[in-house]
Amino acid sequence: MNIIGPKIQNLREAKNLTQDDVAARLNHLGWDISRSTYAKIECQGRRVSDQEIPLLAKALKVKIEELFK
């Protein structure tokens, strides 16, 4: 399980982004991820590696610390 899934969902929704939007941003950053895989992260069905956390923060345009508040 991951602890940041609900937080990234809240951040995404607060920025009026779709899961497709975030997946596209992540792909642009070099992470080959589908919308369905991204959705699994939000619902805590997929683990998040240490290397993926900075990419998620960058795609959502927040500091890494925001993901853990």
PDB file of N, CA and C in Angstrom:
ATOM      1  N   MET A   1       0.844  -1.183   0.000  1.00  0.00           N
ATOM      2  CA  MET A   1       0.000   0.000   0.000  1.00  0.00           C
ATOM      3  C   MET A   1       0.892   1.251   0.000  1.00  0.00           C
ATOM      4  N   ASN A   2       0.323   2.367  -0.416  1.00  0.00           N
ATOM      5  CA  ASN A   2       1.041   3.638  -0.342  1.00  0.00           C
ATOM      6  C   ASN A   2       0.229   4.614   0.506  1.00  0.00           C
ATOM      7  N   ILE A   3       0.901   5.572   1.093  1.00  0.00           N
ATOM      8  CA  ILE A   3       0.201   6.520   1.961  1.00  0.00           C
ATOM      9  C   ILE A   3      -0.154   7.818   1.250  1.00  0.00           C
ATOM     10  N   ILE A   4       0.353   8.015   0.032  1.00  0.00           N
ATOM     11  CA  ILE A   4       0.116   9.297  -0.631  1.00  0.00           C
ATOM     12  C   ILE A   4      -1.034   9.267  -1.635  1.00  0.00           C
ATOM     13  N   GLY A   5      -1.600   8.107  -1.884  1.00  0.00           N
ATOM     14  CA  GLY A   5      -2.664   7.999  -2.877  1.00  0.00           C
ATOM     15  C   GLY A   5      -3.813   8.970  -2.674  1.00  0.00           C
ATOM     16  N   PRO A   6      -4.436   8.974  -1.498  1.00  0.00           N
ATOM     17  CA  PRO A   6      -5.547   9.912  -1.269  1.00  0.00           C
ATOM     18  C   PRO A   6      -5.117  11.376  -1.378  1.00  0.00           C
ATOM     19  N   LYS A   7      -3.891  11.676  -0.951  1.00  0.00           N
ATOM     20  CA  LYS A   7      -3.404  13.060  -1.016  1.00  0.00           C
ATOM     21  C   LYS A   7      -3.233  13.510  -2.457  1.00  0.00           C
ATOM     22  N   ILE A   8      -2.660  12.653  -3.312  1.00  0.00           N
ATOM     23  CA  ILE A   8      -2.491  13.081  -4.700  1.00  0.00           C
ATOM     24  C   ILE A   8      -3.841  13.196  -5.398  1.00  0.00           C
ATOM     25  N   GLN A   9      -4.805  12.387  -4.989  1.00  0.00           N
ATOM     26  CA  GLN A   9      -6.143  12.525  -5.552  1.00  0.00           C
ATOM     27  C   GLN A   9      -6.739  13.877  -5.160  1.00  0.00           C
ATOM     28  N   ASN A  10      -6.621  14.252  -3.897  1.00  0.00           N
ATOM     29  CA  ASN A  10      -7.141  15.541  -3.437  1.00  0.00           C
ATOM     30  C   ASN A  10      -6.445  16.702  -4.146  1.00  0.00           C
ATOM     31  N   LEU A  11      -5.131  16.616  -4.285  1.00  0.00           N
ATOM     32  CA  LEU A  11      -4.393  17.673  -4.970  1.00  0.00           C
ATOM     33  C   LEU A  11      -4.814  17.774  -6.431  1.00  0.00           C
ATOM     34  N   ARG A  12      -4.959  16.632  -7.077  1.00  0.00           N
ATOM     35  CA  ARG A  12      -5.373  16.613  -8.489  1.00  0.00           C
ATOM     36  C   ARG A  12      -6.744  17.260  -8.649  1.00  0.00           C
ATOM     37  N   GLU A  13      -7.684  16.867  -7.800  1.00  0.00           N
ATOM     38  CA  GLU A  13      -9.036  17.408  -7.889  1.00  0.00           C
ATOM     39  C   GLU A  13      -9.060  18.905  -7.578  1.00  0.00           C
ATOM     40  N   ALA A  14      -8.256  19.344  -6.617  1.00  0.00           N
ATOM     41  CA  ALA A  14      -8.190  20.768  -6.266  1.00  0.00           C
ATOM     42  C   ALA A  14      -7.658  21.602  -7.429  1.00  0.00           C
ATOM     43  N   LYS A  15      -6.857  20.987  -8.280  1.00  0.00           N
ATOM     44  CA  LYS A  15      -6.300  21.684  -9.442  1.00  0.00           C
ATOM     45  C   LYS A  15      -7.130  21.448 -10.706  1.00  0.00           C
ATOM     46  N   ASN A  16      -8.310  20.821 -10.528  1.00  0.00           N
ATOM     47  CA  ASN A  16      -9.222  20.546 -11.647  1.00  0.00           C
ATOM     48  C   ASN A  16      -8.553  19.767 -12.774  1.00  0.00           C
ATOM     49  N   LEU A  17      -7.747  18.776 -12.391  1.00  0.00           N
ATOM     50  CA  LEU A  17      -7.086  17.923 -13.365  1.00  0.00           C
ATOM     51  C   LEU A  17      -7.768  16.556 -13.393  1.00  0.00           C
ATOM     52  N   THR A  18      -7.769  15.928 -14.531  1.00  0.00           N
ATOM     53  CA  THR A  18      -8.258  14.560 -14.629  1.00  0.00           C
ATOM     54  C   THR A  18      -7.094  13.600 -14.416  1.00  0.00           C
ATOM     55  N   GLN A  19      -7.421  12.342 -14.215  1.00  0.00           N
ATOM     56  CA  GLN A  19      -6.359  11.344 -14.113  1.00  0.00           C
ATOM     57  C   GLN A  19      -5.592  11.272 -15.426  1.00  0.00           C
ATOM     58  N   ASP A  20      -6.284  11.429 -16.542  1.00  0.00           N
ATOM     59  CA  ASP A  20      -5.609  11.464 -17.842  1.00  0.00           C
ATOM     60  C   ASP A  20      -4.616  12.619 -17.922  1.00  0.00           C
ATOM     61  N   ASP A  21      -5.001  13.783 -17.384  1.00  0.00           N
ATOM     62  CA  ASP A  21      -4.104  14.942 -17.390  1.00  0.00           C
ATOM     63  C   ASP A  21      -2.803  14.638 -16.644  1.00  0.00           C
ATOM     64  N   VAL A  22      -2.946  14.056 -15.457  1.00  0.00           N
ATOM     65  CA  VAL A  22      -1.761  13.772 -14.647  1.00  0.00           C
ATOM     66  C   VAL A  22      -0.917  12.685 -15.304  1.00  0.00           C
ATOM     67  N   ALA A  23      -1.551  11.662 -15.832  1.00  0.00           N
ATOM     68  CA  ALA A  23      -0.803  10.600 -16.523  1.00  0.00           C
ATOM     69  C   ALA A  23      -0.039  11.182 -17.711  1.00  0.00           C
ATOM     70  N   ALA A  24      -0.653  12.103 -18.438  1.00  0.00           N
ATOM     71  CA  ALA A  24       0.027  12.734 -19.574  1.00  0.00           C
ATOM     72  C   ALA A  24       1.224  13.541 -19.102  1.00  0.00           C
ATOM     73  N   ARG A  25       1.069  14.274 -18.001  1.00  0.00           N
ATOM     74  CA  ARG A  25       2.194  15.037 -17.458  1.00  0.00           C
ATOM     75  C   ARG A  25       3.330  14.102 -17.038  1.00  0.00           C
ATOM     76  N   LEU A  26       2.978  12.996 -16.410  1.00  0.00           N
ATOM     77  CA  LEU A  26       3.989  12.037 -15.977  1.00  0.00           C
ATOM     78  C   LEU A  26       4.710  11.425 -17.170  1.00  0.00           C
ATOM     79  N   ASN A  27       3.976  11.131 -18.228  1.00  0.00           N
ATOM     80  CA  ASN A  27       4.597  10.609 -19.441  1.00  0.00           C
ATOM     81  C   ASN A  27       5.558  11.634 -20.030  1.00  0.00           C
ATOM     82  N   HIS A  28       5.170  12.890 -20.003  1.00  0.00           N
ATOM     83  CA  HIS A  28       6.038  13.972 -20.499  1.00  0.00           C
ATOM     84  C   HIS A  28       7.332  14.054 -19.682  1.00  0.00           C
ATOM     85  N   LEU A  29       7.244  13.688 -18.401  1.00  0.00           N
ATOM     86  CA  LEU A  29       8.416  13.701 -17.522  1.00  0.00           C
ATOM     87  C   LEU A  29       9.257  12.435 -17.647  1.00  0.00           C
ATOM     88  N   GLY A  30       8.818  11.504 -18.488  1.00  0.00           N
ATOM     89  CA  GLY A  30       9.611  10.302 -18.729  1.00  0.00           C
ATOM     90  C   GLY A  30       9.127   9.041 -18.028  1.00  0.00           C
ATOM     91  N   TRP A  31       8.004   9.116 -17.329  1.00  0.00           N
ATOM     92  CA  TRP A  31       7.452   7.940 -16.650  1.00  0.00           C
ATOM     93  C   TRP A  31       6.360   7.370 -17.543  1.00  0.00           C
ATOM     94  N   ASP A  32       6.594   6.219 -18.101  1.00  0.00           N
ATOM     95  CA  ASP A  32       5.621   5.565 -18.977  1.00  0.00           C
ATOM     96  C   ASP A  32       4.528   4.951 -18.104  1.00  0.00           C
ATOM     97  N   ILE A  33       3.437   5.698 -17.903  1.00  0.00           N
ATOM     98  CA  ILE A  33       2.361   5.270 -17.017  1.00  0.00           C
ATOM     99  C   ILE A  33       1.022   5.523 -17.695  1.00  0.00           C
ATOM    100  N   SER A  34       0.114   4.578 -17.545  1.00  0.00           N
ATOM    101  CA  SER A  34      -1.226   4.728 -18.118  1.00  0.00           C
ATOM    102  C   SER A  34      -2.148   5.373 -17.092  1.00  0.00           C
ATOM    103  N   ARG A  35      -3.303   5.819 -17.547  1.00  0.00           N
ATOM    104  CA  ARG A  35      -4.282   6.388 -16.631  1.00  0.00           C
ATOM    105  C   ARG A  35      -4.732   5.351 -15.617  1.00  0.00           C
ATOM    106  N   SER A  36      -4.920   4.110 -16.050  1.00  0.00           N
ATOM    107  CA  SER A  36      -5.393   3.074 -15.129  1.00  0.00           C
ATOM    108  C   SER A  36      -4.351   2.756 -14.048  1.00  0.00           C
ATOM    109  N   THR A  37      -3.086   2.772 -14.408  1.00  0.00           N
ATOM    110  CA  THR A  37      -2.045   2.549 -13.400  1.00  0.00           C
ATOM    111  C   THR A  37      -1.986   3.722 -12.437  1.00  0.00           C
ATOM    112  N   TYR A  38      -2.125   4.936 -12.971  1.00  0.00           N
ATOM    113  CA  TYR A  38      -2.159   6.112 -12.094  1.00  0.00           C
ATOM    114  C   TYR A  38      -3.348   6.017 -11.144  1.00  0.00           C
ATOM    115  N   ALA A  39      -4.494   5.576 -11.642  1.00  0.00           N
ATOM    116  CA  ALA A  39      -5.691   5.438 -10.804  1.00  0.00           C
ATOM    117  C   ALA A  39      -5.450   4.453  -9.666  1.00  0.00           C
ATOM    118  N   LYS A  40      -4.697   3.404  -9.928  1.00  0.00           N
ATOM    119  CA  LYS A  40      -4.374   2.427  -8.882  1.00  0.00           C
ATOM    120  C   LYS A  40      -3.530   3.058  -7.779  1.00  0.00           C
ATOM    121  N   ILE A  41      -2.687   4.013  -8.135  1.00  0.00           N
ATOM    122  CA  ILE A  41      -1.901   4.718  -7.124  1.00  0.00           C
ATOM    123  C   ILE A  41      -2.834   5.536  -6.237  1.00  0.00           C
ATOM    124  N   GLU A  42      -3.757   6.258  -6.860  1.00  0.00           N
ATOM    125  CA  GLU A  42      -4.681   7.077  -6.073  1.00  0.00           C
ATOM    126  C   GLU A  42      -5.523   6.252  -5.104  1.00  0.00           C
ATOM    127  N   CYS A  43      -5.945   5.067  -5.527  1.00  0.00           N
ATOM    128  CA  CYS A  43      -6.793   4.245  -4.650  1.00  0.00           C
ATOM    129  C   CYS A  43      -5.965   3.284  -3.797  1.00  0.00           C
ATOM    130  N   GLN A  44      -4.666   3.500  -3.751  1.00  0.00           N
ATOM    131  CA  GLN A  44      -3.725   2.751  -2.927  1.00  0.00           C
ATOM    132  C   GLN A  44      -3.620   1.280  -3.324  1.00  0.00           C
ATOM    133  N   GLY A  45      -3.904   0.984  -4.582  1.00  0.00           N
ATOM    134  CA  GLY A  45      -3.795  -0.379  -5.075  1.00  0.00           C
ATOM    135  C   GLY A  45      -2.428  -0.691  -5.667  1.00  0.00           C
ATOM    136  N   ARG A  46      -1.578   0.321  -5.775  1.00  0.00           N
ATOM    137  CA  ARG A  46      -0.231   0.147  -6.324  1.00  0.00           C
ATOM    138  C   ARG A  46       0.749   0.904  -5.451  1.00  0.00           C
ATOM    139  N   ARG A  47       1.871   0.289  -5.203  1.00  0.00           N
ATOM    140  CA  ARG A  47       2.931   0.937  -4.423  1.00  0.00           C
ATOM    141  C   ARG A  47       3.593   2.043  -5.248  1.00  0.00           C
ATOM    142  N   VAL A  48       4.189   2.996  -4.548  1.00  0.00           N
ATOM    143  CA  VAL A  48       4.913   4.092  -5.194  1.00  0.00           C
ATOM    144  C   VAL A  48       6.371   4.000  -4.755  1.00  0.00           C
ATOM    145  N   SER A  49       7.267   3.959  -5.716  1.00  0.00           N
ATOM    146  CA  SER A  49       8.694   3.868  -5.383  1.00  0.00           C
ATOM    147  C   SER A  49       9.237   5.242  -5.015  1.00  0.00           C
ATOM    148  N   ASP A  50      10.390   5.221  -4.392  1.00  0.00           N
ATOM    149  CA  ASP A  50      11.058   6.476  -4.021  1.00  0.00           C
ATOM    150  C   ASP A  50      11.342   7.335  -5.246  1.00  0.00           C
ATOM    151  N   GLN A  51      11.660   6.700  -6.371  1.00  0.00           N
ATOM    152  CA  GLN A  51      11.981   7.440  -7.587  1.00  0.00           C
ATOM    153  C   GLN A  51      10.743   8.077  -8.215  1.00  0.00           C
ATOM    154  N   GLU A  52       9.577   7.537  -7.922  1.00  0.00           N
ATOM    155  CA  GLU A  52       8.339   8.049  -8.517  1.00  0.00           C
ATOM    156  C   GLU A  52       7.764   9.248  -7.764  1.00  0.00           C
ATOM    157  N   ILE A  53       8.079   9.361  -6.496  1.00  0.00           N
ATOM    158  CA  ILE A  53       7.518  10.448  -5.678  1.00  0.00           C
ATOM    159  C   ILE A  53       7.867  11.829  -6.224  1.00  0.00           C
ATOM    160  N   PRO A  54       9.126  12.116  -6.568  1.00  0.00           N
ATOM    161  CA  PRO A  54       9.422  13.448  -7.129  1.00  0.00           C
ATOM    162  C   PRO A  54       8.689  13.718  -8.443  1.00  0.00           C
ATOM    163  N   LEU A  55       8.478  12.681  -9.243  1.00  0.00           N
ATOM    164  CA  LEU A  55       7.753  12.868 -10.504  1.00  0.00           C
ATOM    165  C   LEU A  55       6.288  13.215 -10.243  1.00  0.00           C
ATOM    166  N   LEU A  56       5.686  12.560  -9.269  1.00  0.00           N
ATOM    167  CA  LEU A  56       4.302  12.881  -8.920  1.00  0.00           C
ATOM    168  C   LEU A  56       4.189  14.325  -8.433  1.00  0.00           C
ATOM    169  N   ALA A  57       5.118  14.737  -7.590  1.00  0.00           N
ATOM    170  CA  ALA A  57       5.106  16.115  -7.090  1.00  0.00           C
ATOM    171  C   ALA A  57       5.269  17.104  -8.236  1.00  0.00           C
ATOM    172  N   LYS A  58       6.184  16.816  -9.139  1.00  0.00           N
ATOM    173  CA  LYS A  58       6.421  17.721 -10.269  1.00  0.00           C
ATOM    174  C   LYS A  58       5.201  17.784 -11.180  1.00  0.00           C
ATOM    175  N   ALA A  59       4.571  16.649 -11.434  1.00  0.00           N
ATOM    176  CA  ALA A  59       3.388  16.625 -12.300  1.00  0.00           C
ATOM    177  C   ALA A  59       2.236  17.408 -11.689  1.00  0.00           C
ATOM    178  N   LEU A  60       2.142  17.380 -10.365  1.00  0.00           N
ATOM    179  CA  LEU A  60       1.071  18.108  -9.676  1.00  0.00           C
ATOM    180  C   LEU A  60       1.486  19.530  -9.297  1.00  0.00           C
ATOM    181  N   LYS A  61       2.745  19.864  -9.601  1.00  0.00           N
ATOM    182  CA  LYS A  61       3.299  21.196  -9.331  1.00  0.00           C
ATOM    183  C   LYS A  61       3.196  21.580  -7.855  1.00  0.00           C
ATOM    184  N   VAL A  62       3.659  20.628  -7.016  1.00  0.00           N
ATOM    185  CA  VAL A  62       3.709  20.862  -5.578  1.00  0.00           C
ATOM    186  C   VAL A  62       5.078  20.405  -5.068  1.00  0.00           C
ATOM    187  N   LYS A  63       5.423  20.822  -3.868  1.00  0.00           N
ATOM    188  CA  LYS A  63       6.650  20.341  -3.232  1.00  0.00           C
ATOM    189  C   LYS A  63       6.406  18.917  -2.744  1.00  0.00           C
ATOM    190  N   ILE A  64       7.462  18.134  -2.701  1.00  0.00           N
ATOM    191  CA  ILE A  64       7.339  16.739  -2.261  1.00  0.00           C
ATOM    192  C   ILE A  64       6.671  16.662  -0.877  1.00  0.00           C
ATOM    193  N   GLU A  65       6.988  17.598  -0.011  1.00  0.00           N
ATOM    194  CA  GLU A  65       6.438  17.596   1.340  1.00  0.00           C
ATOM    195  C   GLU A  65       4.911  17.636   1.327  1.00  0.00           C
ATOM    196  N   GLU A  66       4.325  18.288   0.331  1.00  0.00           N
ATOM    197  CA  GLU A  66       2.858  18.386   0.223  1.00  0.00           C
ATOM    198  C   GLU A  66       2.207  17.010   0.108  1.00  0.00           C
ATOM    199  N   LEU A  67       2.922  16.060  -0.476  1.00  0.00           N
ATOM    200  CA  LEU A  67       2.362  14.726  -0.666  1.00  0.00           C
ATOM    201  C   LEU A  67       2.207  13.966   0.633  1.00  0.00           C
ATOM    202  N   PHE A  68       2.886  14.409   1.681  1.00  0.00           N
ATOM    203  CA  PHE A  68       2.879  13.688   2.942  1.00  0.00           C
ATOM    204  C   PHE A  68       2.153  14.436   4.061  1.00  0.00           C
ATOM    205  N   LYS A  69       1.502  15.541   3.740  1.00  0.00           N
ATOM    206  CA  LYS A  69       0.752  16.300   4.766  1.00  0.00           C
ATOM    207  C   LYS A  69      -0.593  15.679   4.978  1.00  0.00           C
TER     208      LYS A  69
END
